[in-house]
Amino acid sequence: MKTIKRVIISVFEKSGIIEFAKVLIDEFNVEILSTGGTGTLLEKNGIKFTKISDFTESPEMFDGRIKTLHPKIEGGILYRRGLQKDIEDANKYDIKPIDMVVCNLYQFKEAIEKPGIVLDDALELIDIGGPTMIRAAAKNFPDVIVVPSPDYYDEILTELRKNKGAITEKTRILLAQEVFLIMADYNAAIANYLQKYYNPDPISPNTLIKIYEKVEDCRYGENWDQKAAYYKDSYVKNGLHNLKKISGKQISFNNYLDIDSCMQILLDFGSDHYTTAILKHTSPNGVAIDKKDQLISVKKAFNTDPMSAFGGIWGVNRELTKDVADFIVNKEKIFVEVLMAPSFENEALEILKQKKNMIILEFGDFLEKRNDIYKNLEIRGVLGGILVQEYDSKSVIKEWNVVSKKTVNNTEKEALIFAYKISKWTKSNSACFVQYYDDGIYTIGIGAGQQSRVHVVKLAIQKAIEFGHKDELKNSVMGTDSFFPFPDGLEVAVEAGAKAIINPGGSIRDEAVIKRADELECALVFCGKRVFRH
């Protein structure tokens, strides 16, 4: 293995570099080349080095834009030590070998996130010399070691000591691979910044550039025999990667899908009142709001469909209390797969941790970041590609249009909007019956994923009756995620007890549906916004 003799050090992130450089000199007697701010730091700490301008016999130019772009630097990195022609060229042009490049880049991605950044400042933060050096070193990894991050300093020193000043080929190639990943991310950040600067429409680019970083392996994929992992978008600040796992088993692929759906429901409702959402297979099977009491909200959501709540994903929008923990663990002895809250009372956590396998997630101030979260794109994989769209984050009410003769009061309006929000998050076609009282609103029957509108209404009614809500269907309100193509869905809902229904409208048979609503003395509201979810 080849030992190192000459090292170039030029780093933006300077943590750990003094200690690293001292070991290189003291233990391995290397020559260090450096320049700019890094050289100044080395000098202040008494570390001997050669200025790159002295090594190349060429001054820095253009306010430091050109420092390392020189044949003696790039040639010293790139020339192949085992190729006679390269050796002859090196001798002819007095190019000395550089055996290690220690370099990390200007933090472009972090800088452009700062408020008030202007284009000229951003352009100055595009590193040229650094990427050139680390790419050259990575290309010539059989002869040159590239160290692109302080994260590798300890690992490099350990291996140098073990191998008497040399690095194994395996480590060299892994470091080279890391360089090209860093450069892909770096170049993507620049390209995306310039695209957004001149055209902020996120759907407009002909080439969509994304870099994803692995967060963790999943317990398994959608099925047990499928491998899976969770990757975060490296350009997205707020996402599921911000959630803190407090306890429980490894998260599965399906868990993540349900967690995502639960978080989006909570984002839609915010934190004004106590909200509880219980989901299964990415659709809600019980949601409730209570203005005064979290436990009441939890019980109402659970009682919508206790059977489907078994093994479900539970989320609340405020600190989870001891009473709720006691209800879940001791009173009802419910099997909860994932429990999510912004925070947990200490006594609540002590109770919940009795359930060793239950995944407990804390999401902090996530709900307050709704606007930032929904600036990103929703991406779904299809065979051979992806589909991209904006998140469905706009208000579920585009226009409030009571099209029937019968009107609704403010309390009924609030309940209808609640029902429509739930139908939004329920797989299409969907229907949601809700009931209300002075301090809250809660679901009593939810139908999801049926191919016809009338059948999904029947399913919601059937579930309400099965779980003891038959009487509550009387004078309930219902939301459904698209228009009625025929009056039959409305007729079934009214027969069950619905006194008001909301949908977007837009069917060619709207007039027939409105006429039928008037005949049945049912209030009918068109809100002008479709909320399909596939």
Protein backbone atom coordinates (compact mmCIF):
# COMPACT_ATOMS: atom_id res chain seq x y z
CA MET A 1 0.00 0.00 0.00
CA LYS A 2 1.14 3.54 -0.84
CA THR A 3 2.09 5.87 2.00
CA ILE A 4 1.21 9.55 2.03
CA LYS A 5 3.92 12.21 1.73
CA ARG A 6 2.20 15.38 0.54
CA VAL A 7 -1.28 16.61 1.57
CA ILE A 8 -3.32 19.59 0.44
CA ILE A 9 -5.70 21.02 3.05
CA SER A 10 -8.35 23.54 2.02
CA VAL A 11 -11.54 23.39 4.07
CA PHE A 12 -14.59 25.57 4.60
CA GLU A 13 -15.76 23.64 7.69
CA LYS A 14 -12.71 23.86 9.93
CA SER A 15 -13.80 21.80 12.93
CA GLY A 16 -11.20 19.20 13.81
CA ILE A 17 -8.73 20.26 11.14
CA ILE A 18 -6.02 21.51 13.53
CA GLU A 19 -5.90 18.21 15.42
CA PHE A 20 -5.98 16.26 12.15
CA ALA A 21 -3.15 18.29 10.60
CA LYS A 22 -0.97 18.00 13.73
CA VAL A 23 -1.21 14.19 13.67
CA LEU A 24 -0.37 14.11 9.96
CA ILE A 25 2.82 16.08 10.61
CA ASP A 26 3.84 14.61 13.98
CA GLU A 27 3.17 10.95 13.21
CA PHE A 28 3.54 10.70 9.44
CA ASN A 29 5.91 13.56 8.61
CA VAL A 30 3.87 14.82 5.66
CA GLU A 31 4.24 18.09 3.79
CA ILE A 32 1.09 20.22 3.97
CA LEU A 33 -0.03 22.61 1.24
CA SER A 34 -2.66 25.18 2.09
CA THR A 35 -4.04 28.59 1.30
CA GLY A 36 -6.55 31.25 2.28
CA GLY A 37 -8.47 30.97 5.53
CA THR A 38 -7.27 27.44 6.17
CA GLY A 39 -3.63 28.51 5.87
CA THR A 40 -4.23 31.41 8.23
CA LEU A 41 -5.72 29.04 10.81
CA LEU A 42 -2.83 26.58 10.48
CA GLU A 43 -0.33 29.40 10.90
CA LYS A 44 -2.05 30.72 14.04
CA ASN A 45 -1.80 27.24 15.55
CA GLY A 46 1.89 26.85 14.76
CA ILE A 47 1.43 24.26 12.03
CA LYS A 48 4.08 24.40 9.33
CA PHE A 49 2.76 24.44 5.76
CA THR A 50 3.64 25.57 2.24
CA LYS A 51 1.47 28.21 0.63
CA ILE A 52 -0.13 26.96 -2.56
CA SER A 53 0.91 30.17 -4.31
CA ASP A 54 4.56 29.36 -3.44
CA PHE A 55 4.12 25.73 -4.49
CA THR A 56 2.64 26.70 -7.88
CA GLU A 57 4.69 29.90 -8.26
CA SER A 58 1.43 31.55 -9.25
CA PRO A 59 -0.50 34.18 -7.24
CA GLU A 60 -4.14 33.99 -6.17
CA MET A 61 -6.36 35.85 -8.61
CA PHE A 62 -9.76 37.52 -8.83
CA ASP A 63 -10.31 38.02 -5.12
CA GLY A 64 -9.49 34.39 -4.38
CA ARG A 65 -11.63 32.88 -7.13
CA ILE A 66 -8.51 31.20 -8.50
CA LYS A 67 -6.18 29.62 -5.95
CA THR A 68 -5.87 25.90 -6.62
CA LEU A 69 -6.74 25.83 -10.33
CA HIS A 70 -3.24 25.14 -11.55
CA PRO A 71 -1.50 22.25 -13.38
CA LYS A 72 0.82 21.68 -10.42
CA ILE A 73 -2.21 21.11 -8.18
CA GLU A 74 -4.54 19.26 -10.52
CA GLY A 75 -1.64 17.46 -12.19
CA GLY A 76 -0.20 16.44 -8.81
CA ILE A 77 -3.56 14.91 -7.96
CA LEU A 78 -4.44 13.37 -11.32
CA TYR A 79 -1.27 11.85 -12.65
CA ARG A 80 -1.20 8.04 -12.54
CA ARG A 81 1.81 6.88 -10.55
CA GLY A 82 2.03 3.53 -12.33
CA LEU A 83 1.80 4.88 -15.90
CA GLN A 84 5.16 5.65 -17.50
CA LYS A 85 3.81 8.37 -19.80
CA ASP A 86 2.24 10.20 -16.81
CA ILE A 87 5.52 9.90 -14.88
CA GLU A 88 7.40 11.39 -17.82
CA ASP A 89 4.93 14.30 -18.06
CA ALA A 90 5.19 14.91 -14.32
CA ASN A 91 8.97 15.07 -14.55
CA LYS A 92 8.89 17.24 -17.67
CA TYR A 93 6.57 19.85 -16.12
CA ASP A 94 7.97 19.62 -12.58
CA ILE A 95 4.70 18.27 -11.14
CA LYS A 96 5.08 16.75 -7.69
CA PRO A 97 2.61 14.12 -6.43
CA ILE A 98 -0.15 15.11 -4.02
CA ASP A 99 -1.18 12.01 -2.08
CA MET A 100 -4.13 13.27 -0.05
CA VAL A 101 -6.74 15.99 -0.59
CA VAL A 102 -8.51 17.22 2.53
CA CYS A 103 -11.28 19.50 1.32
CA ASN A 104 -14.90 20.30 2.12
CA LEU A 105 -16.93 22.79 0.12
CA TYR A 106 -18.52 26.18 0.69
CA GLN A 107 -21.89 25.49 2.28
CA PHE A 108 -24.03 26.64 -0.60
CA LYS A 109 -27.19 24.79 0.41
CA GLU A 110 -27.11 26.13 3.96
CA ALA A 111 -26.29 29.67 2.81
CA ILE A 112 -29.21 30.03 0.41
CA GLU A 113 -31.63 29.16 3.19
CA LYS A 114 -30.66 32.30 5.08
CA PRO A 115 -33.16 35.16 4.82
CA GLY A 116 -32.17 38.00 2.54
CA ILE A 117 -29.68 36.05 0.42
CA VAL A 118 -29.30 37.71 -2.99
CA LEU A 119 -28.14 36.22 -6.27
CA ASP A 120 -24.69 37.84 -6.25
CA ASP A 121 -23.95 36.46 -2.77
CA ALA A 122 -25.21 33.02 -3.76
CA LEU A 123 -22.99 32.94 -6.85
CA GLU A 124 -19.91 33.73 -4.76
CA LEU A 125 -20.67 30.68 -2.62
CA ILE A 126 -20.48 28.32 -5.59
CA ASP A 127 -17.19 26.52 -4.95
CA ILE A 128 -15.04 25.89 -8.03
CA GLY A 129 -11.57 24.94 -6.83
CA GLY A 130 -12.78 22.60 -4.10
CA PRO A 131 -15.02 20.49 -6.34
CA THR A 132 -12.26 20.33 -8.97
CA MET A 133 -9.75 18.99 -6.45
CA ILE A 134 -12.00 16.43 -4.78
CA ARG A 135 -13.34 15.17 -8.12
CA ALA A 136 -9.79 14.78 -9.39
CA ALA A 137 -8.76 12.93 -6.23
CA ALA A 138 -11.83 10.71 -6.40
CA LYS A 139 -11.15 9.89 -10.04
CA ASN A 140 -7.57 8.95 -9.18
CA PHE A 141 -8.45 7.12 -5.94
CA PRO A 142 -5.93 4.27 -6.56
CA ASP A 143 -3.18 6.87 -6.01
CA VAL A 144 -4.82 9.65 -4.00
CA ILE A 145 -6.85 9.69 -0.79
CA VAL A 146 -9.71 12.18 -0.69
CA VAL A 147 -11.14 13.33 2.65
CA PRO A 148 -14.34 15.29 1.87
CA SER A 149 -15.69 15.78 5.40
CA PRO A 150 -14.51 16.15 9.02
CA ASP A 151 -16.61 13.06 9.74
CA TYR A 152 -13.79 10.94 8.28
CA TYR A 153 -10.82 12.38 10.21
CA ASP A 154 -10.80 9.84 13.04
CA GLU A 155 -11.39 6.93 10.67
CA ILE A 156 -8.55 8.06 8.39
CA LEU A 157 -6.09 8.51 11.26
CA THR A 158 -6.96 5.10 12.69
CA GLU A 159 -6.31 3.43 9.36
CA LEU A 160 -3.10 5.39 8.71
CA ARG A 161 -1.75 4.25 12.07
CA LYS A 162 -2.78 0.67 11.43
CA ASN A 163 -1.15 0.60 7.98
CA LYS A 164 1.95 2.72 8.70
CA GLY A 165 0.84 5.75 6.73
CA ALA A 166 -1.28 4.02 4.08
CA ILE A 167 -4.98 3.62 3.34
CA THR A 168 -6.62 0.47 1.95
CA GLU A 169 -8.12 0.38 -1.52
CA LYS A 170 -11.57 -0.33 -0.05
CA THR A 171 -11.50 2.87 2.01
CA ARG A 172 -10.15 4.86 -0.95
CA ILE A 173 -12.99 3.77 -3.22
CA LEU A 174 -15.63 4.38 -0.53
CA LEU A 175 -14.29 7.91 -0.05
CA ALA A 176 -14.29 8.44 -3.81
CA GLN A 177 -17.91 7.32 -4.00
CA GLU A 178 -18.78 9.75 -1.22
CA VAL A 179 -17.23 12.59 -3.22
CA PHE A 180 -19.45 11.97 -6.23
CA LEU A 181 -22.52 11.77 -3.97
CA ILE A 182 -21.50 15.09 -2.40
CA MET A 183 -21.04 16.62 -5.84
CA ALA A 184 -24.41 15.33 -7.05
CA ASP A 185 -26.06 16.97 -4.04
CA TYR A 186 -24.01 20.17 -4.46
CA ASN A 187 -24.74 20.54 -8.16
CA ALA A 188 -28.41 19.77 -7.64
CA ALA A 189 -28.64 22.48 -4.98
CA ILE A 190 -27.19 25.05 -7.39
CA ALA A 191 -29.40 23.96 -10.29
CA ASN A 192 -32.53 24.02 -8.14
CA TYR A 193 -31.66 27.42 -6.67
CA LEU A 194 -31.22 28.99 -10.09
CA GLN A 195 -34.39 27.34 -11.39
CA LYS A 196 -36.43 28.68 -8.48
CA TYR A 197 -34.80 32.10 -8.78
CA TYR A 198 -35.95 32.59 -12.35
CA ASN A 199 -39.08 30.44 -12.33
CA PRO A 200 -40.54 29.65 -8.89
CA ASP A 201 -43.22 27.28 -10.28
CA PRO A 202 -42.18 23.89 -8.79
CA ILE A 203 -43.91 21.87 -11.53
CA SER A 204 -42.29 23.71 -14.44
CA PRO A 205 -38.77 22.24 -14.89
CA ASN A 206 -38.20 19.71 -17.66
CA THR A 207 -35.67 17.98 -15.41
CA LEU A 208 -36.53 17.44 -11.76
CA ILE A 209 -33.42 17.00 -9.63
CA LYS A 210 -33.76 15.40 -6.21
CA ILE A 211 -31.24 13.94 -3.79
CA TYR A 212 -32.42 11.60 -1.05
CA GLU A 213 -30.52 10.62 2.08
CA LYS A 214 -31.20 7.37 3.88
CA VAL A 215 -32.76 7.82 7.30
CA GLU A 216 -33.23 4.18 8.26
CA ASP A 217 -34.16 0.72 7.06
CA CYS A 218 -37.79 -0.25 7.54
CA ARG A 219 -38.77 -3.35 9.49
CA TYR A 220 -40.07 -4.71 6.18
CA GLY A 221 -41.80 -3.43 3.07
CA GLU A 222 -45.47 -3.37 2.23
CA ASN A 223 -45.32 -7.14 2.65
CA TRP A 224 -42.99 -9.24 4.81
CA ASP A 225 -40.83 -10.46 1.95
CA GLN A 226 -40.09 -6.96 0.61
CA LYS A 227 -37.09 -4.93 1.73
CA ALA A 228 -37.69 -1.22 2.31
CA ALA A 229 -36.06 1.93 3.65
CA TYR A 230 -37.01 5.52 4.42
CA TYR A 231 -35.08 8.28 2.64
CA LYS A 232 -35.51 11.98 3.28
CA ASP A 233 -35.36 14.66 0.62
CA SER A 234 -32.08 16.43 1.33
CA TYR A 235 -33.62 19.78 0.32
CA VAL A 236 -36.60 19.48 2.65
CA LYS A 237 -36.15 20.87 6.13
CA ASN A 238 -39.37 19.62 7.73
CA GLY A 239 -40.70 16.11 7.28
CA LEU A 240 -41.18 12.77 8.99
CA HIS A 241 -37.43 12.69 9.64
CA ASN A 242 -38.06 15.36 12.29
CA LEU A 243 -40.24 13.03 14.36
CA LYS A 244 -38.51 11.68 17.45
CA LYS A 245 -39.02 8.01 18.24
CA ILE A 246 -39.24 7.60 22.01
CA SER A 247 -39.76 3.86 22.19
CA GLY A 248 -41.14 0.83 20.37
CA LYS A 249 -40.19 -1.52 17.58
CA GLN A 250 -38.62 -0.65 14.25
CA ILE A 251 -40.92 1.30 11.94
CA SER A 252 -42.22 -0.55 8.88
CA PHE A 253 -42.97 0.74 5.37
CA ASN A 254 -46.72 0.63 6.06
CA ASN A 255 -46.21 2.39 9.39
CA TYR A 256 -44.57 5.27 7.57
CA LEU A 257 -47.45 5.56 5.11
CA ASP A 258 -49.95 5.65 7.99
CA ILE A 259 -47.81 8.10 9.99
CA ASP A 260 -47.72 10.38 6.97
CA SER A 261 -51.50 10.28 6.59
CA CYS A 262 -52.06 10.87 10.29
CA MET A 263 -49.69 13.85 10.31
CA GLN A 264 -51.47 15.40 7.34
CA ILE A 265 -54.85 15.10 9.03
CA LEU A 266 -53.46 16.79 12.14
CA LEU A 267 -51.88 19.50 9.95
CA ASP A 268 -55.30 20.17 8.41
CA PHE A 269 -56.92 20.63 11.83
CA GLY A 270 -54.07 22.48 13.55
CA SER A 271 -53.97 22.85 17.32
CA ASP A 272 -56.94 25.12 18.15
CA HIS A 273 -58.92 22.36 19.89
CA TYR A 274 -58.21 18.82 21.12
CA THR A 275 -58.14 16.70 17.96
CA THR A 276 -57.67 12.94 17.76
CA ALA A 277 -57.18 10.99 14.54
CA ILE A 278 -57.14 7.19 14.38
CA LEU A 279 -56.17 5.57 11.07
CA LYS A 280 -55.81 2.19 9.45
CA HIS A 281 -54.34 1.62 5.98
CA THR A 282 -53.88 5.41 5.47
CA SER A 283 -57.60 6.17 5.92
CA PRO A 284 -59.20 7.57 9.09
CA ASN A 285 -61.56 5.28 10.95
CA GLY A 286 -62.28 7.77 13.70
CA VAL A 287 -61.66 11.49 14.19
CA ALA A 288 -62.98 13.80 16.89
CA ILE A 289 -62.61 17.33 18.20
CA ASP A 290 -63.40 18.45 21.73
CA LYS A 291 -62.87 22.05 22.78
CA LYS A 292 -62.16 21.28 26.44
CA ASP A 293 -61.04 17.70 27.06
CA GLN A 294 -58.46 15.53 25.29
CA LEU A 295 -59.78 12.28 26.76
CA ILE A 296 -63.27 12.96 25.41
CA SER A 297 -61.78 13.60 21.98
CA VAL A 298 -59.84 10.30 22.15
CA LYS A 299 -62.89 8.31 23.30
CA LYS A 300 -65.13 9.78 20.60
CA ALA A 301 -62.58 8.95 17.88
CA PHE A 302 -62.10 5.44 19.23
CA ASN A 303 -65.83 4.73 19.56
CA THR A 304 -66.45 5.53 15.89
CA ASP A 305 -65.04 2.13 14.94
CA PRO A 306 -63.34 0.25 17.83
CA MET A 307 -62.70 -2.77 15.63
CA SER A 308 -60.63 -0.86 13.06
CA ALA A 309 -58.83 1.04 15.84
CA PHE A 310 -57.14 -2.27 16.76
CA GLY A 311 -53.56 -2.04 15.48
CA GLY A 312 -54.16 1.48 14.22
CA ILE A 313 -52.15 4.69 14.10
CA TRP A 314 -53.27 7.19 16.73
CA GLY A 315 -52.39 10.87 16.69
CA VAL A 316 -53.30 13.81 18.91
CA ASN A 317 -52.51 17.47 18.32
CA ARG A 318 -51.65 18.49 21.90
CA GLU A 319 -49.52 17.09 24.71
CA LEU A 320 -50.80 13.60 25.52
CA THR A 321 -52.07 13.35 29.08
CA LYS A 322 -51.83 10.67 31.74
CA ASP A 323 -55.61 10.10 31.47
CA VAL A 324 -55.32 9.25 27.79
CA ALA A 325 -52.35 6.94 28.38
CA ASP A 326 -54.29 5.18 31.13
CA PHE A 327 -57.32 4.80 28.82
CA ILE A 328 -55.19 3.22 26.08
CA VAL A 329 -53.10 0.91 28.24
CA ASN A 330 -55.23 0.03 31.24
CA LYS A 331 -58.90 0.83 30.66
CA GLU A 332 -59.50 -0.48 27.17
CA LYS A 333 -56.25 -2.43 26.75
CA ILE A 334 -56.13 -1.34 23.14
CA PHE A 335 -53.50 -2.52 20.67
CA VAL A 336 -52.03 0.66 19.21
CA GLU A 337 -49.35 0.24 16.54
CA VAL A 338 -48.14 3.87 16.56
CA LEU A 339 -48.98 6.69 18.97
CA MET A 340 -48.09 10.26 17.99
CA ALA A 341 -48.24 13.53 19.90
CA PRO A 342 -46.36 16.84 20.01
CA SER A 343 -45.24 15.91 23.54
CA PHE A 344 -46.13 13.58 26.42
CA GLU A 345 -46.69 14.14 30.11
CA ASN A 346 -44.01 12.29 32.09
CA GLU A 347 -46.60 10.14 33.85
CA ALA A 348 -48.20 9.34 30.49
CA LEU A 349 -44.89 8.07 29.11
CA GLU A 350 -44.33 5.82 32.12
CA ILE A 351 -47.71 4.19 31.48
CA LEU A 352 -47.26 3.94 27.71
CA LYS A 353 -43.82 2.33 27.93
CA GLN A 354 -45.48 -0.73 29.44
CA LYS A 355 -46.36 -1.48 25.80
CA LYS A 356 -42.87 -2.47 24.67
CA ASN A 357 -43.69 -2.80 20.98
CA MET A 358 -45.87 0.28 20.61
CA ILE A 359 -44.07 2.92 18.53
CA ILE A 360 -44.23 6.25 20.36
CA LEU A 361 -43.39 9.31 18.27
CA GLU A 362 -43.00 12.91 19.40
CA PHE A 363 -43.41 15.56 16.71
CA GLY A 364 -42.85 18.79 18.66
CA ASP A 365 -43.87 21.98 16.83
CA PHE A 366 -44.48 20.18 13.51
CA LEU A 367 -48.04 21.51 13.19
CA GLU A 368 -46.79 25.09 13.33
CA LYS A 369 -44.66 24.49 10.21
CA ARG A 370 -47.56 23.68 7.89
CA ASN A 371 -46.80 26.42 5.37
CA ASP A 372 -43.16 25.39 5.02
CA ILE A 373 -43.99 21.68 4.79
CA TYR A 374 -46.48 22.18 1.99
CA LYS A 375 -44.09 24.25 -0.13
CA ASN A 376 -42.61 20.92 -1.22
CA LEU A 377 -43.84 18.57 -3.91
CA GLU A 378 -45.81 15.39 -3.39
CA ILE A 379 -44.03 12.62 -5.28
CA ARG A 380 -45.42 9.16 -5.97
CA GLY A 381 -43.62 6.32 -7.67
CA VAL A 382 -45.05 4.57 -10.71
CA LEU A 383 -43.51 1.96 -12.98
CA GLY A 384 -40.47 3.54 -14.55
CA GLY A 385 -40.94 7.02 -13.10
CA ILE A 386 -42.75 9.33 -10.73
CA LEU A 387 -45.83 11.51 -10.62
CA VAL A 388 -45.43 14.96 -9.13
CA GLN A 389 -48.07 17.33 -7.83
CA GLU A 390 -48.59 20.10 -5.32
CA TYR A 391 -49.87 18.94 -1.94
CA ASP A 392 -53.61 19.30 -1.48
CA SER A 393 -53.09 21.91 1.21
CA LYS A 394 -55.61 24.58 0.24
CA SER A 395 -58.82 25.11 2.17
CA VAL A 396 -61.43 22.42 1.55
CA ILE A 397 -63.96 25.20 0.98
CA LYS A 398 -63.42 27.11 -2.24
CA GLU A 399 -66.89 28.63 -2.16
CA TRP A 400 -69.76 28.13 0.28
CA ASN A 401 -72.83 27.62 -1.88
CA VAL A 402 -76.02 26.35 -0.25
CA VAL A 403 -77.87 25.14 -3.34
CA SER A 404 -80.93 23.72 -1.58
CA LYS A 405 -83.96 25.56 -0.22
CA LYS A 406 -83.10 24.38 3.26
CA THR A 407 -80.19 26.30 4.78
CA VAL A 408 -77.71 25.49 7.56
CA ASN A 409 -76.78 27.37 10.73
CA ASN A 410 -73.22 28.13 11.84
CA THR A 411 -72.96 25.01 14.02
CA GLU A 412 -74.07 22.79 11.15
CA LYS A 413 -71.67 24.58 8.83
CA GLU A 414 -68.76 23.79 11.18
CA ALA A 415 -69.83 20.13 11.30
CA LEU A 416 -70.12 19.94 7.51
CA ILE A 417 -66.63 21.36 7.03
CA PHE A 418 -65.33 18.81 9.55
CA ALA A 419 -67.07 15.99 7.64
CA TYR A 420 -65.62 17.18 4.35
CA LYS A 421 -62.10 17.33 5.78
CA ILE A 422 -62.42 13.74 6.92
CA SER A 423 -63.70 12.65 3.52
CA LYS A 424 -60.67 14.39 2.01
CA TRP A 425 -58.31 12.11 3.95
CA THR A 426 -60.36 8.97 3.33
CA LYS A 427 -59.55 6.92 0.24
CA SER A 428 -61.85 7.79 -2.68
CA ASN A 429 -64.73 7.24 -3.06
CA SER A 430 -65.51 8.25 0.51
CA ALA A 431 -68.38 9.28 2.74
CA CYS A 432 -68.30 10.49 6.33
CA PHE A 433 -71.19 10.95 8.75
CA VAL A 434 -70.57 13.17 11.76
CA GLN A 435 -72.46 14.30 14.82
CA TYR A 436 -71.84 17.35 16.99
CA TYR A 437 -72.49 18.83 20.43
CA ASP A 438 -71.76 22.12 22.18
CA ASP A 439 -68.05 21.43 22.69
CA GLY A 440 -67.14 19.21 19.78
CA ILE A 441 -67.64 17.21 16.60
CA TYR A 442 -66.97 13.54 15.98
CA THR A 443 -67.28 10.88 13.30
CA ILE A 444 -69.94 8.18 13.61
CA GLY A 445 -69.51 6.33 10.32
CA ILE A 446 -66.81 6.45 7.64
CA GLY A 447 -66.87 4.65 4.29
CA ALA A 448 -63.71 4.41 2.19
CA GLY A 449 -62.51 3.27 -1.20
CA GLN A 450 -65.67 2.06 -2.89
CA GLN A 451 -66.08 2.17 -6.64
CA SER A 452 -69.53 3.77 -6.56
CA ARG A 453 -70.88 6.75 -4.63
CA VAL A 454 -74.02 5.06 -3.37
CA HIS A 455 -72.15 2.01 -2.07
CA VAL A 456 -69.70 4.09 -0.05
CA VAL A 457 -72.61 5.91 1.61
CA LYS A 458 -74.21 2.55 2.43
CA LEU A 459 -70.89 1.32 3.86
CA ALA A 460 -70.57 4.37 6.12
CA ILE A 461 -74.12 3.84 7.39
CA GLN A 462 -73.53 0.13 7.92
CA LYS A 463 -70.43 0.81 10.01
CA ALA A 464 -72.22 3.47 12.06
CA ILE A 465 -75.02 1.03 12.88
CA GLU A 466 -72.64 -1.87 13.60
CA PHE A 467 -70.76 0.15 16.21
CA GLY A 468 -73.78 1.52 18.04
CA HIS A 469 -74.36 4.84 16.31
CA LYS A 470 -77.75 4.15 14.72
CA ASP A 471 -79.54 6.76 16.81
CA GLU A 472 -76.77 9.29 16.16
CA LEU A 473 -77.35 9.00 12.42
CA LYS A 474 -80.57 10.92 12.98
CA ASN A 475 -79.93 14.62 12.33
CA SER A 476 -76.30 13.92 11.39
CA VAL A 477 -74.42 15.64 8.58
CA MET A 478 -72.44 13.96 5.83
CA GLY A 479 -69.47 14.85 3.63
CA THR A 480 -68.43 13.07 0.46
CA ASP A 481 -65.33 13.73 -1.63
CA SER A 482 -66.95 14.26 -5.01
CA PHE A 483 -70.25 15.11 -6.60
CA PHE A 484 -73.26 12.79 -6.73
CA PRO A 485 -73.55 11.43 -10.29
CA PHE A 486 -77.11 10.39 -9.39
CA PRO A 487 -79.49 11.25 -6.55
CA ASP A 488 -79.28 7.72 -5.10
CA GLY A 489 -76.37 8.42 -2.75
CA LEU A 490 -78.15 11.45 -1.34
CA GLU A 491 -81.37 9.44 -0.94
CA VAL A 492 -79.62 6.71 1.06
CA ALA A 493 -77.92 9.28 3.30
CA VAL A 494 -81.16 11.14 4.03
CA GLU A 495 -83.02 7.89 4.69
CA ALA A 496 -80.38 7.05 7.31
CA GLY A 497 -80.90 10.42 9.02
CA ALA A 498 -78.59 12.99 7.40
CA LYS A 499 -80.09 16.47 7.44
CA ALA A 500 -77.27 18.23 5.57
CA ILE A 501 -74.73 17.08 3.00
CA ILE A 502 -71.63 18.70 1.52
CA ASN A 503 -69.82 17.87 -1.72
CA PRO A 504 -67.98 19.88 -4.38
CA GLY A 505 -70.74 19.83 -6.98
CA GLY A 506 -69.91 19.69 -10.67
CA SER A 507 -71.99 16.80 -11.97
CA ILE A 508 -73.99 17.18 -15.17
CA ARG A 509 -76.89 15.95 -13.03
CA ASP A 510 -76.47 18.51 -10.26
CA GLU A 511 -79.90 20.00 -10.93
CA ALA A 512 -81.57 16.61 -10.46
CA VAL A 513 -79.66 16.07 -7.20
CA ILE A 514 -80.60 19.55 -5.93
CA LYS A 515 -84.24 18.94 -6.81
CA ARG A 516 -84.20 15.64 -4.92
CA ALA A 517 -82.59 17.31 -1.89
CA ASP A 518 -85.41 19.85 -1.82
CA GLU A 519 -88.02 17.09 -2.08
CA LEU A 520 -86.40 15.32 0.89
CA GLU A 521 -85.93 18.58 2.84
CA CYS A 522 -82.20 18.06 3.09
CA ALA A 523 -79.70 20.92 3.07
CA LEU A 524 -77.17 20.54 0.25
CA VAL A 525 -73.93 22.52 0.05
CA PHE A 526 -71.55 22.69 -2.89
CA CYS A 527 -68.06 23.83 -1.84
CA GLY A 528 -66.41 23.96 -5.28
CA LYS A 529 -63.31 21.93 -4.38
CA ARG A 530 -62.77 18.23 -5.09
CA VAL A 531 -60.73 16.30 -2.53
CA PHE A 532 -59.98 12.92 -4.12
CA ARG A 533 -57.32 10.76 -2.48
CA HIS A 534 -56.03 7.65 -4.25
